[in-house]
Amino acid sequence: MRSIEESLKRLSTDYIDVVFIHDVIAALHGPDLDKRFDEAMDGAYIALQELKRNGIIRACGVALREPDVCERFARAGEFDCFMLAGGHTLLQHTAAVTLLPLCASSGISVIVASPFNTGILATGSVEGARYEYRPATDTPEILERVRRLEVVGRAHGVPLAAAALQFPLRSNAVASVVAGHQSVTEVRQNLAWLQHAIPDAYWEDLKASGLLPA
């Protein structure tokens, strides 16, 4: 509660559009995940619901990287949105199996962050490419997958980054995509990629090649 009060003061406002519970994930908490999950539901979640009832926040969400934990939250409480970082991209499809259908049927909006998987889907398979904050060369299977994506993209005149930004939005559960920018030029470039016309045949070829789920 104190953190929300401080944020309201810093922002000079009497309400906040959305507040997220962050990073209740196995990668950070390991065997203590269940304990952290229960703490979030018994503490932060209850506090945020009270703030929402009082009109101090407009929406309550969860932001993390693991689709299975998002699914646990979806079944445990009433959330308005999830911010899923890197979990529904051209390289990561697990969220499409159960999380996205669950969110669509439950009225939970999904915001996909890190659509470039921290770099490689924007830069392509260039020297020095990064995947999930590490050199892409650490995961040769990912590097090879990106090269195959580039081949299909060239055949259809589709830049890899354009496909990376537009792919998440093909799900009716996804409300928006959040991409990082370092300059005005990058903002304009990302907008151009979002508007780039991508033929249906491109997506069909990705499925036929095993690069996307059928």
Protein backbone atom coordinates (compact mmCIF):
# COMPACT_ATOMS: atom_id res chain seq x y z
CA MET A 1 0.00 0.00 0.00
CA ARG A 2 2.82 2.38 0.88
CA SER A 3 4.42 1.84 -2.51
CA ILE A 4 1.14 2.77 -4.24
CA GLU A 5 0.82 5.90 -2.11
CA GLU A 6 4.35 6.94 -3.05
CA SER A 7 3.67 6.29 -6.73
CA LEU A 8 0.52 8.43 -6.61
CA LYS A 9 2.55 11.30 -5.16
CA ARG A 10 5.36 10.97 -7.70
CA LEU A 11 2.88 10.81 -10.58
CA SER A 12 0.73 13.65 -9.20
CA THR A 13 -2.44 11.65 -9.75
CA ASP A 14 -5.23 10.17 -7.65
CA TYR A 15 -5.42 6.87 -9.53
CA ILE A 16 -3.21 4.41 -11.45
CA ASP A 17 -4.41 2.59 -14.55
CA VAL A 18 -2.87 -0.80 -13.78
CA VAL A 19 -0.67 -2.33 -11.09
CA PHE A 20 1.15 -5.63 -11.61
CA ILE A 21 2.33 -8.29 -9.20
CA HIS A 22 5.85 -9.00 -10.49
CA ASP A 23 8.11 -11.99 -10.99
CA VAL A 24 6.55 -14.78 -8.93
CA ILE A 25 8.50 -17.34 -10.97
CA ALA A 26 10.43 -20.55 -10.52
CA ALA A 27 13.52 -19.05 -12.15
CA LEU A 28 13.84 -16.64 -9.21
CA HIS A 29 12.34 -18.56 -6.31
CA GLY A 30 13.02 -22.21 -7.15
CA PRO A 31 11.63 -24.54 -4.47
CA ASP A 32 10.06 -21.55 -2.67
CA LEU A 33 7.77 -20.74 -5.60
CA ASP A 34 4.63 -22.14 -3.96
CA LYS A 35 5.32 -20.11 -0.83
CA ARG A 36 5.87 -16.92 -2.83
CA PHE A 37 2.71 -17.63 -4.84
CA ASP A 38 0.62 -18.01 -1.69
CA GLU A 39 2.14 -14.83 -0.27
CA ALA A 40 1.22 -12.94 -3.43
CA MET A 41 -2.37 -14.18 -3.36
CA ASP A 42 -2.83 -13.71 0.39
CA GLY A 43 -1.13 -10.32 0.49
CA ALA A 44 -0.58 -8.29 -2.69
CA TYR A 45 -3.65 -9.63 -4.50
CA ILE A 46 -6.03 -8.81 -1.63
CA ALA A 47 -4.52 -5.32 -1.27
CA LEU A 48 -4.81 -4.62 -4.99
CA GLN A 49 -8.42 -5.78 -5.10
CA GLU A 50 -9.23 -3.37 -2.27
CA LEU A 51 -7.49 -0.53 -4.11
CA LYS A 52 -9.47 -1.39 -7.23
CA ARG A 53 -12.79 -1.37 -5.35
CA ASN A 54 -11.89 2.07 -4.00
CA GLY A 55 -11.05 3.38 -7.48
CA ILE A 56 -7.39 3.98 -6.69
CA ILE A 57 -6.30 1.52 -9.38
CA ARG A 58 -8.28 0.64 -12.49
CA ALA A 59 -6.84 -2.82 -13.14
CA CYS A 60 -4.92 -5.55 -11.34
CA GLY A 61 -2.48 -7.78 -13.19
CA VAL A 62 0.50 -10.09 -13.02
CA ALA A 63 3.78 -9.57 -14.91
CA LEU A 64 6.22 -12.44 -15.37
CA ARG A 65 7.93 -14.72 -17.87
CA GLU A 66 6.46 -18.16 -17.15
CA PRO A 67 3.10 -19.01 -18.80
CA ASP A 68 2.37 -21.86 -16.40
CA VAL A 69 2.58 -19.52 -13.39
CA CYS A 70 0.31 -17.03 -15.18
CA GLU A 71 -2.16 -19.87 -15.58
CA ARG A 72 -2.02 -20.56 -11.84
CA PHE A 73 -2.83 -16.92 -11.12
CA ALA A 74 -5.67 -16.96 -13.64
CA ARG A 75 -7.28 -19.88 -11.84
CA ALA A 76 -6.61 -18.50 -8.35
CA GLY A 77 -8.06 -14.99 -8.60
CA GLU A 78 -9.80 -12.36 -10.69
CA PHE A 79 -7.19 -10.56 -12.74
CA ASP A 80 -7.72 -8.00 -15.49
CA CYS A 81 -4.52 -8.56 -17.40
CA PHE A 82 -1.22 -10.39 -17.59
CA MET A 83 2.04 -9.02 -18.93
CA LEU A 84 3.90 -12.00 -20.35
CA ALA A 85 7.54 -11.28 -21.18
CA GLY A 86 8.99 -13.35 -24.00
CA GLY A 87 6.44 -16.11 -23.49
CA HIS A 88 4.47 -15.82 -26.74
CA THR A 89 6.85 -15.04 -29.60
CA LEU A 90 8.04 -16.53 -32.86
CA LEU A 91 10.45 -18.59 -30.75
CA GLN A 92 8.27 -19.41 -27.72
CA HIS A 93 4.82 -20.93 -28.22
CA THR A 94 3.94 -22.61 -24.93
CA ALA A 95 1.49 -19.88 -23.89
CA ALA A 96 -0.71 -20.70 -26.88
CA VAL A 97 -1.44 -24.20 -25.57
CA THR A 98 -3.50 -23.43 -22.47
CA LEU A 99 -2.81 -19.92 -21.14
CA LEU A 100 -4.08 -17.87 -24.08
CA PRO A 101 -7.30 -19.88 -24.52
CA LEU A 102 -7.91 -19.62 -20.76
CA CYS A 103 -7.38 -15.85 -20.83
CA ALA A 104 -9.63 -15.42 -23.86
CA SER A 105 -12.45 -17.34 -22.18
CA SER A 106 -11.94 -15.56 -18.84
CA GLY A 107 -11.75 -12.02 -20.19
CA ILE A 108 -8.13 -11.54 -19.12
CA SER A 109 -6.18 -9.31 -21.51
CA VAL A 110 -2.65 -10.43 -22.32
CA ILE A 111 0.11 -7.89 -22.93
CA VAL A 112 3.08 -9.51 -24.64
CA ALA A 113 6.38 -7.91 -23.66
CA SER A 114 9.81 -8.66 -25.10
CA PRO A 115 8.47 -9.77 -28.51
CA PHE A 116 12.05 -9.83 -29.83
CA ASN A 117 13.22 -12.23 -27.09
CA THR A 118 15.67 -9.52 -25.94
CA GLY A 119 17.14 -8.91 -29.36
CA ILE A 120 17.54 -11.73 -31.83
CA LEU A 121 14.11 -11.34 -33.44
CA ALA A 122 14.93 -7.69 -34.16
CA THR A 123 18.52 -8.10 -35.31
CA GLY A 124 18.28 -11.52 -36.90
CA SER A 125 21.06 -14.10 -36.80
CA VAL A 126 23.88 -11.56 -36.94
CA GLU A 127 27.14 -11.85 -35.07
CA GLY A 128 26.58 -10.76 -31.49
CA ALA A 129 22.83 -11.46 -31.52
CA ARG A 130 21.27 -11.86 -28.08
CA TYR A 131 18.60 -14.31 -26.95
CA GLU A 132 17.09 -14.00 -23.47
CA TYR A 133 19.91 -11.69 -22.35
CA ARG A 134 22.66 -14.09 -23.40
CA PRO A 135 24.70 -14.54 -26.58
CA ALA A 136 22.58 -16.44 -29.10
CA THR A 137 25.56 -18.70 -29.72
CA ASP A 138 24.84 -20.22 -26.29
CA THR A 139 21.66 -21.72 -27.77
CA PRO A 140 22.59 -23.00 -31.24
CA GLU A 141 19.14 -24.52 -31.76
CA ILE A 142 17.59 -21.06 -31.39
CA LEU A 143 20.13 -19.55 -33.76
CA GLU A 144 19.30 -22.20 -36.36
CA ARG A 145 15.58 -21.60 -35.87
CA VAL A 146 16.04 -17.89 -36.49
CA ARG A 147 17.98 -18.62 -39.68
CA ARG A 148 15.07 -20.75 -40.89
CA LEU A 149 12.64 -17.94 -40.03
CA GLU A 150 14.79 -15.57 -42.07
CA VAL A 151 14.67 -17.88 -45.09
CA VAL A 152 10.86 -17.97 -45.05
CA GLY A 153 10.75 -14.23 -44.50
CA ARG A 154 12.94 -13.51 -47.50
CA ALA A 155 10.72 -15.68 -49.68
CA HIS A 156 7.70 -13.55 -48.77
CA GLY A 157 9.37 -10.15 -48.37
CA VAL A 158 8.63 -10.11 -44.64
CA PRO A 159 11.23 -8.59 -42.27
CA LEU A 160 11.81 -10.82 -39.25
CA ALA A 161 11.13 -7.96 -36.83
CA ALA A 162 7.79 -7.18 -38.49
CA ALA A 163 6.70 -10.78 -38.04
CA ALA A 164 7.95 -10.77 -34.44
CA LEU A 165 5.83 -7.73 -33.56
CA GLN A 166 2.72 -8.91 -35.38
CA PHE A 167 2.75 -12.59 -34.39
CA PRO A 168 1.50 -12.09 -30.80
CA LEU A 169 -1.40 -9.94 -32.01
CA ARG A 170 -2.76 -12.83 -34.07
CA SER A 171 -4.20 -14.26 -30.84
CA ASN A 172 -7.55 -12.83 -29.77
CA ALA A 173 -6.33 -13.01 -26.15
CA VAL A 174 -3.51 -10.52 -26.80
CA ALA A 175 -4.46 -6.88 -26.32
CA SER A 176 -1.10 -5.28 -27.04
CA VAL A 177 2.62 -5.76 -27.52
CA VAL A 178 5.29 -3.91 -25.56
CA ALA A 179 8.64 -3.49 -27.30
CA GLY A 180 11.67 -1.62 -26.04
CA HIS A 181 13.01 1.50 -27.76
CA GLN A 182 16.30 3.32 -27.45
CA SER A 183 15.57 6.22 -29.79
CA VAL A 184 12.88 8.01 -31.78
CA THR A 185 14.19 6.19 -34.85
CA GLU A 186 13.48 2.82 -33.24
CA VAL A 187 9.96 3.93 -32.27
CA ARG A 188 9.26 4.87 -35.88
CA GLN A 189 10.83 1.66 -37.17
CA ASN A 190 8.71 -0.49 -34.85
CA LEU A 191 5.57 1.33 -35.95
CA ALA A 192 6.52 0.68 -39.58
CA TRP A 193 7.06 -3.01 -38.83
CA LEU A 194 3.66 -3.18 -37.14
CA GLN A 195 2.07 -1.77 -40.28
CA HIS A 196 4.01 -3.97 -42.70
CA ALA A 197 1.60 -6.12 -44.73
CA ILE A 198 2.24 -9.82 -44.07
CA PRO A 199 0.51 -12.31 -46.40
CA ASP A 200 -1.35 -15.29 -44.97
CA ALA A 201 0.94 -17.51 -47.04
CA TYR A 202 3.87 -16.46 -44.85
CA TRP A 203 2.21 -17.76 -41.69
CA GLU A 204 1.12 -20.92 -43.47
CA ASP A 205 4.68 -21.57 -44.63
CA LEU A 206 5.94 -21.15 -41.06
CA LYS A 207 3.45 -23.78 -39.92
CA ALA A 208 4.33 -26.10 -42.80
CA SER A 209 8.02 -25.75 -41.90
CA GLY A 210 7.36 -26.61 -38.26
CA LEU A 211 8.38 -23.12 -37.14
CA LEU A 212 4.91 -22.39 -35.76
CA PRO A 213 2.34 -24.78 -34.30
CA ALA A 214 -0.11 -26.03 -36.91
